[in-house]
Amino acid sequence: MKKIQAQLKTISKSLASLSKQVERITQQVDKLQPAKKAPAKRKKAVRKAAVRKAPARKAPARKAPARKAAVRKKAAPAAKGKTVLDSVYNLIKRSKKGATIATLKTKTGLDSRQLSNALYKLSKKHMVHAKSRGLYVKK
């Protein structure tokens, strides 16, 4: 029994010294990082038994503010059976030196996301390729 008590005392002393070393190291790290806010000082309390806290109650959910409806551009009216890919591909095919993104945007009436997706799909199907940045040519 006495051996166990002696071992427990040595362990508690070593833990105390380790906690002091950790405190010193955290202070040094805080000095090296002046841009960030320094964390609150830690208390040196050794807990003998773990204490369970009651679970925190959540705040009631707030209702999100009403959003304005986004203004969407109307896409160019597609002819019967024509898809976005067809219209973009036809414009690129008709141009001699290739079509830029700006001209494709104005002639098709598509927004940048739709046009980007269409060009990506056409390039994956090996129908068009980028001659230079923003200039697409038929293969």
Protein backbone atom coordinates (compact mmCIF):
# COMPACT_ATOMS: atom_id res chain seq x y z
CA MET A 1 0.00 0.00 0.00
CA LYS A 2 2.83 2.41 0.83
CA LYS A 3 4.55 1.65 -2.47
CA ILE A 4 1.45 2.56 -4.38
CA GLN A 5 1.07 5.82 -2.47
CA ALA A 6 4.71 6.71 -3.11
CA GLN A 7 4.28 5.97 -6.82
CA LEU A 8 1.16 8.11 -6.94
CA LYS A 9 3.05 11.01 -5.34
CA THR A 10 5.88 10.79 -7.87
CA ILE A 11 3.39 10.62 -10.72
CA SER A 12 1.52 13.68 -9.45
CA LYS A 13 4.80 15.63 -9.13
CA SER A 14 5.83 14.71 -12.67
CA LEU A 15 2.41 15.70 -13.98
CA ALA A 16 2.67 19.05 -12.23
CA SER A 17 6.09 19.71 -13.77
CA LEU A 18 4.82 18.68 -17.20
CA SER A 19 1.88 21.06 -16.93
CA LYS A 20 4.28 23.90 -16.04
CA GLN A 21 6.39 23.08 -19.09
CA VAL A 22 3.30 23.08 -21.30
CA GLU A 23 2.32 26.50 -19.92
CA ARG A 24 5.78 27.90 -20.71
CA ILE A 25 5.70 26.52 -24.24
CA THR A 26 2.24 27.95 -24.93
CA GLN A 27 3.38 31.36 -23.71
CA GLN A 28 6.38 31.20 -26.07
CA VAL A 29 4.15 30.22 -28.99
CA ASP A 30 1.77 33.08 -28.17
CA LYS A 31 4.69 35.52 -28.28
CA LEU A 32 5.72 34.22 -31.71
CA GLN A 33 2.23 34.75 -33.14
CA PRO A 34 1.36 38.39 -32.36
CA ALA A 35 -1.29 38.67 -35.12
CA LYS A 36 -3.61 36.19 -33.47
CA LYS A 37 -5.43 36.88 -30.25
CA ALA A 38 -3.88 35.27 -27.22
CA PRO A 39 -6.07 32.58 -25.67
CA ALA A 40 -7.34 33.09 -22.16
CA LYS A 41 -4.98 31.97 -19.43
CA ARG A 42 -5.50 28.43 -18.34
CA LYS A 43 -6.10 27.56 -14.75
CA LYS A 44 -3.81 25.05 -13.10
CA ALA A 45 -6.43 22.96 -11.41
CA VAL A 46 -5.91 19.24 -11.10
CA ARG A 47 -9.19 17.39 -11.24
CA LYS A 48 -9.59 14.43 -9.02
CA ALA A 49 -12.80 13.13 -10.55
CA ALA A 50 -14.46 13.95 -13.82
CA VAL A 51 -17.54 16.09 -13.37
CA ARG A 52 -20.30 15.75 -15.93
CA LYS A 53 -22.05 18.87 -17.06
CA ALA A 54 -25.67 18.99 -18.04
CA PRO A 55 -26.04 19.20 -21.83
CA ALA A 56 -26.30 22.76 -23.08
CA ARG A 57 -29.64 23.79 -24.46
CA LYS A 58 -29.70 25.01 -28.01
CA ALA A 59 -31.03 28.44 -28.79
CA PRO A 60 -34.28 28.40 -30.74
CA ALA A 61 -33.72 28.45 -34.48
CA ARG A 62 -34.12 31.86 -36.09
CA LYS A 63 -36.20 32.32 -39.13
CA ALA A 64 -34.09 33.22 -42.16
CA PRO A 65 -34.79 36.67 -43.61
CA ALA A 66 -36.79 36.72 -46.81
CA ARG A 67 -34.60 36.88 -49.90
CA LYS A 68 -35.31 38.71 -53.07
CA ALA A 69 -35.90 36.56 -56.10
CA ALA A 70 -32.80 36.39 -58.27
CA VAL A 71 -33.08 37.95 -61.67
CA ARG A 72 -32.33 35.26 -64.23
CA LYS A 73 -31.35 35.89 -67.79
CA LYS A 74 -33.49 34.17 -70.31
CA ALA A 75 -31.58 31.75 -72.49
CA ALA A 76 -31.86 32.07 -76.21
CA PRO A 77 -34.97 30.30 -77.37
CA ALA A 78 -33.81 26.92 -78.53
CA ALA A 79 -35.29 25.61 -81.72
CA LYS A 80 -37.28 22.43 -81.55
CA GLY A 81 -34.95 19.57 -80.61
CA LYS A 82 -31.88 21.82 -80.19
CA THR A 83 -29.91 21.69 -76.97
CA VAL A 84 -27.54 24.17 -75.43
CA LEU A 85 -24.62 22.02 -76.58
CA ASP A 86 -25.90 22.09 -80.15
CA SER A 87 -26.25 25.87 -80.20
CA VAL A 88 -22.77 26.44 -78.74
CA TYR A 89 -21.20 23.87 -81.07
CA ASN A 90 -22.90 25.39 -84.15
CA LEU A 91 -21.55 28.85 -83.31
CA ILE A 92 -18.03 27.48 -82.89
CA LYS A 93 -18.33 25.44 -86.08
CA ARG A 94 -19.48 28.45 -88.16
CA SER A 95 -16.62 30.71 -87.04
CA LYS A 96 -13.42 30.54 -89.14
CA LYS A 97 -10.85 31.42 -86.49
CA GLY A 98 -12.78 30.08 -83.52
CA ALA A 99 -15.15 31.68 -81.06
CA THR A 100 -14.28 33.54 -77.89
CA ILE A 101 -16.22 33.22 -74.68
CA ALA A 102 -17.47 36.81 -74.98
CA THR A 103 -18.94 36.25 -78.45
CA LEU A 104 -20.49 32.95 -77.38
CA LYS A 105 -22.08 34.69 -74.40
CA THR A 106 -23.62 37.44 -76.46
CA LYS A 107 -24.84 35.26 -79.33
CA THR A 108 -26.31 32.46 -77.22
CA GLY A 109 -27.60 34.57 -74.33
CA LEU A 110 -26.31 32.01 -71.83
CA ASP A 111 -24.84 32.98 -68.50
CA SER A 112 -21.21 32.16 -67.74
CA ARG A 113 -21.96 29.01 -65.74
CA GLN A 114 -24.09 27.44 -68.50
CA LEU A 115 -21.56 28.36 -71.15
CA SER A 116 -18.69 26.99 -69.11
CA ASN A 117 -20.52 23.70 -68.59
CA ALA A 118 -21.36 23.43 -72.29
CA LEU A 119 -17.75 24.06 -73.34
CA TYR A 120 -16.52 21.53 -70.81
CA LYS A 121 -18.88 18.86 -72.10
CA LEU A 122 -18.02 19.59 -75.73
CA SER A 123 -14.30 19.35 -74.98
CA LYS A 124 -14.81 16.05 -73.15
CA LYS A 125 -16.66 14.71 -76.20
CA HIS A 126 -13.67 15.82 -78.34
CA MET A 127 -15.85 18.08 -80.46
CA VAL A 128 -14.00 21.33 -79.63
CA HIS A 129 -10.70 22.27 -78.07
CA ALA A 130 -9.19 25.44 -76.64
CA LYS A 131 -6.76 26.96 -79.12
CA SER A 132 -5.75 29.50 -76.50
CA ARG A 133 -7.28 30.74 -73.31
CA GLY A 134 -10.88 31.71 -74.01
CA LEU A 135 -10.77 30.78 -77.72
CA TYR A 136 -12.47 27.59 -78.80
CA VAL A 137 -12.12 25.85 -82.17
CA LYS A 138 -13.84 22.87 -83.76
CA LYS A 139 -11.69 19.72 -83.91
